[in-house]
Protein backbone atom coordinates (compact mmCIF):
# COMPACT_ATOMS: atom_id res chain seq x y z
CA UNK A 1 115.35 124.58 102.60
CA UNK A 2 118.80 123.09 101.97
CA UNK A 3 118.46 119.97 104.13
CA UNK A 4 118.32 116.57 102.44
CA UNK A 5 115.63 113.97 103.07
CA UNK A 6 115.11 110.30 102.21
CA UNK A 7 111.51 109.07 102.07
CA UNK A 8 110.37 105.43 101.98
CA UNK A 9 107.11 105.10 100.14
CA UNK A 10 104.50 102.95 98.51
CA UNK A 11 102.08 104.31 95.94
CA UNK A 12 99.18 106.73 96.24
CA UNK A 13 99.21 107.68 99.95
CA UNK A 14 102.97 107.87 100.22
CA UNK A 15 103.23 109.79 96.96
CA UNK A 16 101.09 112.58 98.42
CA UNK A 17 103.57 113.29 101.20
CA UNK A 18 106.52 112.76 98.84
CA UNK A 19 105.09 115.51 96.64
CA UNK A 20 104.73 117.81 99.65
CA UNK A 21 108.34 117.15 100.63
CA UNK A 22 109.53 117.81 97.09
CA UNK A 23 107.71 121.14 97.02
CA UNK A 24 109.06 122.48 100.33
CA UNK A 25 112.64 121.23 99.99
CA UNK A 26 115.30 122.71 97.74
CA UNK A 27 115.52 121.20 94.24
CA UNK A 28 117.37 117.90 94.32
CA UNK A 29 117.21 117.58 98.12
CA UNK A 30 114.71 114.69 98.16
CA UNK A 31 115.39 111.01 97.49
CA UNK A 32 112.36 108.68 97.40
CA UNK A 33 112.85 104.95 97.81
CA UNK A 34 109.91 103.00 96.40
CA UNK A 35 108.51 99.61 97.23
CA UNK A 36 108.97 97.17 94.35
CA UNK A 37 107.26 94.18 95.97
CA UNK A 38 104.15 95.13 93.94
CA UNK A 39 106.06 94.78 90.65
CA UNK A 40 105.01 92.02 88.29
CA UNK A 41 105.12 90.87 84.70
CA UNK A 42 101.93 91.38 82.70
CA UNK A 43 101.40 90.93 78.97
CA UNK A 44 105.15 90.36 78.74
CA UNK A 45 105.87 93.76 80.30
CA UNK A 46 107.67 94.79 83.49
CA UNK A 47 105.10 96.73 85.54
CA UNK A 48 106.24 98.81 88.55
CA UNK A 49 103.06 100.32 90.05
CA UNK A 50 104.52 102.20 93.04
CA UNK A 51 107.54 103.55 91.18
CA UNK A 52 105.31 104.78 88.38
CA UNK A 53 102.75 106.34 90.73
CA UNK A 54 105.58 108.26 92.39
CA UNK A 55 107.05 109.23 89.01
CA UNK A 56 103.76 110.59 87.71
CA UNK A 57 102.81 112.29 91.00
CA UNK A 58 106.15 114.03 91.49
CA UNK A 59 106.18 115.11 87.83
CA UNK A 60 102.65 116.54 88.09
CA UNK A 61 101.15 114.21 85.47
CA UNK A 62 99.23 111.76 87.67
CA UNK A 63 95.58 111.03 86.93
CA UNK A 64 93.65 112.95 89.62
CA UNK A 65 90.40 111.06 89.06
CA UNK A 66 91.78 107.53 89.29
CA UNK A 67 94.62 108.25 91.71
CA UNK A 68 96.95 106.11 89.56
CA UNK A 69 98.18 106.24 85.97
CA UNK A 70 98.65 109.26 83.75
CA UNK A 71 96.59 112.41 83.33
CA UNK A 72 94.95 113.06 79.96
CA UNK A 73 95.14 109.33 79.32
CA UNK A 74 93.52 107.43 76.47
CA UNK A 75 92.54 103.76 76.47
CA UNK A 76 92.69 102.61 72.87
CA UNK A 77 95.14 99.81 73.63
CA UNK A 78 92.96 98.36 76.39
CA UNK A 79 89.81 98.59 74.30
CA UNK A 80 91.44 96.72 71.43
CA UNK A 81 93.07 94.18 73.75
CA UNK A 82 89.72 93.35 75.33
CA UNK A 83 88.06 93.16 71.89
CA UNK A 84 90.64 90.54 70.96
CA UNK A 85 89.91 88.56 74.12
CA UNK A 86 93.01 89.63 76.04
CA UNK A 87 93.33 90.18 79.79
CA UNK A 88 91.75 93.45 80.80
CA UNK A 89 91.79 93.15 84.58
CA UNK A 90 94.92 95.31 84.96
CA UNK A 91 94.38 98.48 82.98
CA UNK A 92 97.22 100.12 81.07
CA UNK A 93 96.61 103.48 79.44
CA UNK A 94 98.23 104.40 76.14
CA UNK A 95 100.71 106.89 77.65
CA UNK A 96 101.43 104.60 80.59
CA UNK A 97 102.05 101.72 78.19
CA UNK A 98 105.04 103.50 76.67
CA UNK A 99 106.77 103.56 80.08
CA UNK A 100 106.26 99.82 80.56
CA UNK A 101 107.45 98.94 77.06
CA UNK A 102 110.60 101.06 77.31
CA UNK A 103 111.39 99.78 80.81
CA UNK A 104 110.99 96.17 79.64
CA UNK A 105 113.27 96.79 76.67
CA UNK A 106 115.99 98.34 78.84
CA UNK A 107 115.81 95.61 81.47
CA UNK A 108 116.18 92.99 78.74
CA UNK A 109 119.24 94.88 77.48
CA UNK A 110 120.85 94.56 80.91
CA UNK A 111 120.18 97.96 82.49
CA UNK A 112 119.33 98.08 86.19
CA UNK A 113 115.94 99.24 87.39
CA UNK A 114 117.70 102.06 89.27
CA UNK A 115 119.35 103.34 86.08
CA UNK A 116 116.11 103.09 84.13
CA UNK A 117 114.02 104.95 86.71
CA UNK A 118 116.75 107.59 87.02
CA UNK A 119 116.57 108.15 83.28
CA UNK A 120 112.77 108.30 83.36
CA UNK A 121 112.85 110.82 86.22
CA UNK A 122 115.14 113.07 84.20
CA UNK A 123 112.93 112.73 81.13
CA UNK A 124 109.97 113.82 83.26
CA UNK A 125 111.93 116.84 84.50
CA UNK A 126 112.47 115.71 88.09
CA UNK A 127 115.29 116.86 90.34
CA UNK A 128 114.12 114.37 92.97
CA UNK A 129 115.97 111.06 93.06
CA UNK A 130 113.51 108.21 92.45
CA UNK A 131 114.98 104.88 93.54
CA UNK A 132 113.75 101.30 93.74
CA UNK A 133 114.31 99.53 97.05
CA UNK A 134 116.33 96.88 95.18
CA UNK A 135 117.51 96.12 91.67
CA UNK A 136 116.79 92.46 92.36
CA UNK A 137 113.45 90.72 92.12
CA UNK A 138 111.31 90.79 95.27
CA UNK A 139 107.63 89.87 95.01
CA UNK A 140 104.84 90.20 97.58
CA UNK A 141 102.54 87.20 98.00
CA UNK A 142 99.38 87.15 100.09
CA UNK A 143 98.29 83.99 101.89
CA UNK A 144 94.47 84.10 101.94
CA UNK A 145 91.44 81.95 102.63
CA UNK A 146 91.35 81.10 98.90
CA UNK A 147 95.03 80.23 98.65
CA UNK A 148 98.28 82.11 98.08
CA UNK A 149 97.88 84.97 95.61
CA UNK A 150 100.44 87.13 93.85
CA UNK A 151 99.95 90.67 95.10
CA UNK A 152 98.28 92.14 92.01
CA UNK A 153 95.90 89.19 91.83
CA UNK A 154 94.87 89.97 95.40
CA UNK A 155 94.87 93.75 95.09
CA UNK A 156 93.50 94.40 91.60
CA UNK A 157 91.96 91.22 90.21
CA UNK A 158 90.19 90.28 93.45
CA UNK A 159 89.86 93.81 94.84
CA UNK A 160 91.33 92.79 98.25
CA UNK A 161 88.26 90.65 98.98
CA UNK A 162 89.97 87.43 100.19
CA UNK A 163 90.72 87.20 103.88
CA UNK A 164 94.44 87.70 104.59
CA UNK A 165 96.25 85.13 106.72
CA UNK A 166 99.88 86.15 106.17
CA UNK A 167 102.16 88.02 103.78
CA UNK A 168 105.57 87.05 102.50
CA UNK A 169 108.10 88.73 100.26
CA UNK A 170 109.62 86.22 97.89
CA UNK A 171 113.27 86.88 97.14
CA UNK A 172 113.75 89.43 99.91
CA UNK A 173 116.18 87.38 102.01
CA UNK A 174 118.63 87.06 99.12
CA UNK A 175 118.10 90.57 97.73
CA UNK A 176 120.32 93.59 98.32
CA UNK A 177 119.26 97.16 98.85
CA UNK A 178 119.86 99.22 95.71
CA UNK A 179 123.29 100.84 95.91
CA UNK A 180 121.95 104.28 95.02
CA UNK A 181 119.32 104.03 97.73
CA UNK A 182 121.91 103.16 100.36
CA UNK A 183 124.10 106.01 99.13
CA UNK A 184 121.19 108.40 99.70
CA UNK A 185 121.25 107.46 103.39
CA UNK A 186 124.92 108.46 103.61
CA UNK A 187 124.67 111.77 101.75
CA UNK A 188 126.00 114.89 103.53
CA UNK A 189 123.38 117.05 105.13
CA UNK A 190 120.78 114.33 105.55
CA UNK A 191 118.21 115.80 107.93
CA UNK A 192 115.53 113.12 108.06
CA UNK A 193 114.41 109.71 106.93
CA UNK A 194 110.62 109.63 106.54
CA UNK A 195 108.37 106.59 106.31
CA UNK A 196 105.46 107.99 104.34
CA UNK A 197 101.84 107.15 105.28
CA UNK A 198 101.85 103.97 103.21
CA UNK A 199 100.49 100.54 104.08
CA UNK A 200 103.00 99.08 106.57
CA UNK A 201 102.44 95.50 105.43
CA UNK A 202 102.18 95.94 101.65
CA UNK A 203 104.40 98.95 101.00
CA UNK A 204 107.01 99.33 103.75
CA UNK A 205 107.57 95.77 105.00
CA UNK A 206 108.86 94.61 101.58
CA UNK A 207 111.59 97.25 101.91
CA UNK A 208 112.39 96.30 105.50
CA UNK A 209 112.43 92.59 104.61
CA UNK A 210 115.65 93.14 102.64
CA UNK A 211 118.46 92.62 105.20
CA UNK A 212 120.56 95.50 103.92
CA UNK A 213 117.79 97.96 104.60
CA UNK A 214 117.38 97.13 108.26
CA UNK A 215 121.14 97.32 108.78
CA UNK A 216 121.37 100.66 106.97
CA UNK A 217 118.48 102.18 108.90
CA UNK A 218 119.86 100.90 112.19
CA UNK A 219 123.13 102.77 111.58
CA UNK A 220 121.47 106.01 110.44
CA UNK A 221 122.60 109.41 111.66
CA UNK A 222 119.42 111.35 110.83
CA UNK A 223 116.13 110.98 112.73
CA UNK A 224 113.72 108.41 111.32
CA UNK A 225 110.07 109.48 111.47
CA UNK A 226 106.96 107.59 110.38
CA UNK A 227 103.64 109.20 109.50
CA UNK A 228 100.59 107.16 110.44
CA UNK A 229 98.48 105.92 107.51
CA UNK A 230 95.49 105.58 109.86
CA UNK A 231 93.21 108.33 111.10
CA UNK A 232 90.69 107.51 113.79
CA UNK A 233 91.18 103.79 113.25
CA UNK A 234 90.51 103.94 109.52
CA UNK A 235 92.66 104.06 106.42
CA UNK A 236 92.28 107.06 104.15
CA UNK A 237 92.55 104.73 101.16
CA UNK A 238 93.39 101.07 100.59
CA UNK A 239 93.16 97.88 102.64
CA UNK A 240 95.40 98.74 105.61
CA UNK A 241 92.64 98.50 108.22
CA UNK A 242 91.16 95.35 106.65
CA UNK A 243 94.54 93.59 106.65
CA UNK A 244 95.23 94.57 110.26
CA UNK A 245 91.87 93.17 111.41
CA UNK A 246 92.43 89.94 109.51
CA UNK A 247 95.93 89.55 110.94
CA UNK A 248 94.56 90.05 114.46
CA UNK A 249 96.16 93.47 114.94
CA UNK A 250 94.25 96.30 116.61
CA UNK A 251 93.31 98.86 113.97
CA UNK A 252 95.00 101.84 115.55
CA UNK A 253 97.74 104.29 114.70
CA UNK A 254 99.46 103.06 117.85
CA UNK A 255 99.70 99.60 116.30
CA UNK A 256 101.53 101.13 113.34
CA UNK A 257 104.06 102.76 115.66
CA UNK A 258 104.51 99.43 117.44
CA UNK A 259 104.98 97.70 114.08
CA UNK A 260 108.02 99.91 113.46
CA UNK A 261 109.40 99.44 116.98
CA UNK A 262 113.17 99.69 117.18
CA UNK A 263 113.42 101.83 114.05
CA UNK A 264 111.63 105.07 114.91
CA UNK A 265 112.87 108.26 116.52
CA UNK A 266 109.48 109.92 116.12
CA UNK A 267 105.90 109.26 115.03
CA UNK A 268 103.36 111.63 113.46
CA UNK A 269 99.74 111.23 114.53
CA UNK A 270 96.65 112.89 113.15
CA UNK A 271 94.98 115.30 115.57
CA UNK A 272 91.99 112.92 115.70
CA UNK A 273 94.25 110.42 117.45
CA UNK A 274 95.88 112.85 119.89
CA UNK A 275 94.85 110.73 122.88
CA UNK A 276 97.14 107.93 121.68
CA UNK A 277 100.26 110.05 122.05
CA UNK A 278 100.64 109.23 125.75
CA UNK A 279 100.86 105.51 124.94
CA UNK A 280 103.51 105.83 122.24
CA UNK A 281 107.06 104.75 123.11
CA UNK A 282 108.71 107.44 120.94
CA UNK A 283 108.21 111.21 120.69
CA UNK A 284 105.01 112.17 118.84
CA UNK A 285 104.00 115.12 116.67
CA UNK A 286 100.25 115.73 116.50
CA UNK A 287 99.01 117.51 113.40
CA UNK A 288 96.54 117.23 110.55
CA UNK A 289 97.66 114.32 108.35
CA UNK A 290 94.71 114.13 105.94
CA UNK A 291 96.03 115.40 102.59
CA UNK A 292 93.16 116.49 100.38
CA UNK A 293 94.86 119.47 98.75
CA UNK A 294 98.32 120.47 97.60
CA UNK A 295 98.46 122.86 100.56
CA UNK A 296 97.73 119.93 102.90
CA UNK A 297 100.66 117.99 101.43
CA UNK A 298 103.02 120.93 101.88
CA UNK A 299 101.83 121.66 105.42
CA UNK A 300 102.32 118.06 106.51
CA UNK A 301 105.77 118.02 104.92
CA UNK A 302 106.74 121.13 106.89
CA UNK A 303 105.44 119.56 110.11
CA UNK A 304 107.48 116.40 109.51
CA UNK A 305 110.65 118.36 108.74
CA UNK A 306 110.16 120.61 111.75
CA UNK A 307 109.68 117.56 113.95
CA UNK A 308 112.90 116.05 112.56
CA UNK A 309 114.79 119.24 113.32
CA UNK A 310 113.55 119.17 116.91
CA UNK A 311 114.56 115.53 117.34
CA UNK A 312 118.02 116.22 115.91
CA UNK A 313 118.65 119.28 118.08
CA UNK A 314 121.18 118.84 120.90
CA UNK A 315 119.61 118.42 124.31
């Protein structure tokens, strides 16, 4: 397929659909914009969890057992760090560590995160454009019943156990959308903008919190379609349903569509939730959204692209 697509994504769940899109589109036709609200500094290193999950997934070197990190990983660094009494709550494999060290070195030398991730994507053999949402610092904080926690403290160190009261994205109001990411929205032949089935609050809202992103998406020419991260009122992986309950939001795919109100041209529901289609305020495509296999990822990608083509067709 020669059409071009921009996908907005978080980590593991979004990366599955991003991989499906990459496989069914022509080489170089996909641009993936990643959430960087999860980024943080650890052991003196610049860690970008969602960008790296996308990098490894799209390059075919992700760890299939863990769902994050590198395949064929070793853990000598972590074992020695813990022996010395260092922090072991956020695990960095030996191969993964090289990415963090080199990224930290280049950032300190004045390179932008966009330039660094572009170079990494080429080194990993990708034709897909992998872009951060911003080259400026934006950090997700979670207000909980035990106080305000930096995202990784909530997500990894505390395993999402604290009750969520609110989320905020420090630095977002003053940040700018990455120039390369905005350029991807203006590229000739853009057929669709896809919000991958990522956590709306932790993965997509940090992107939308940057003023330039909302303005750019509002002036889009291609259809914007979101894929629900919920199936039958449950998340496939991660704390989406838990966060919705704690924020007082009904745990339903329909709530996700409502969350993106004013942005969407179409919404993709799992067949389990077909009855919700009649209540949705935008056109709906009902299909299987659970992605257990590579074939599932490709099939869902084709459904999303076909839906976009229908929405773009003259009426």
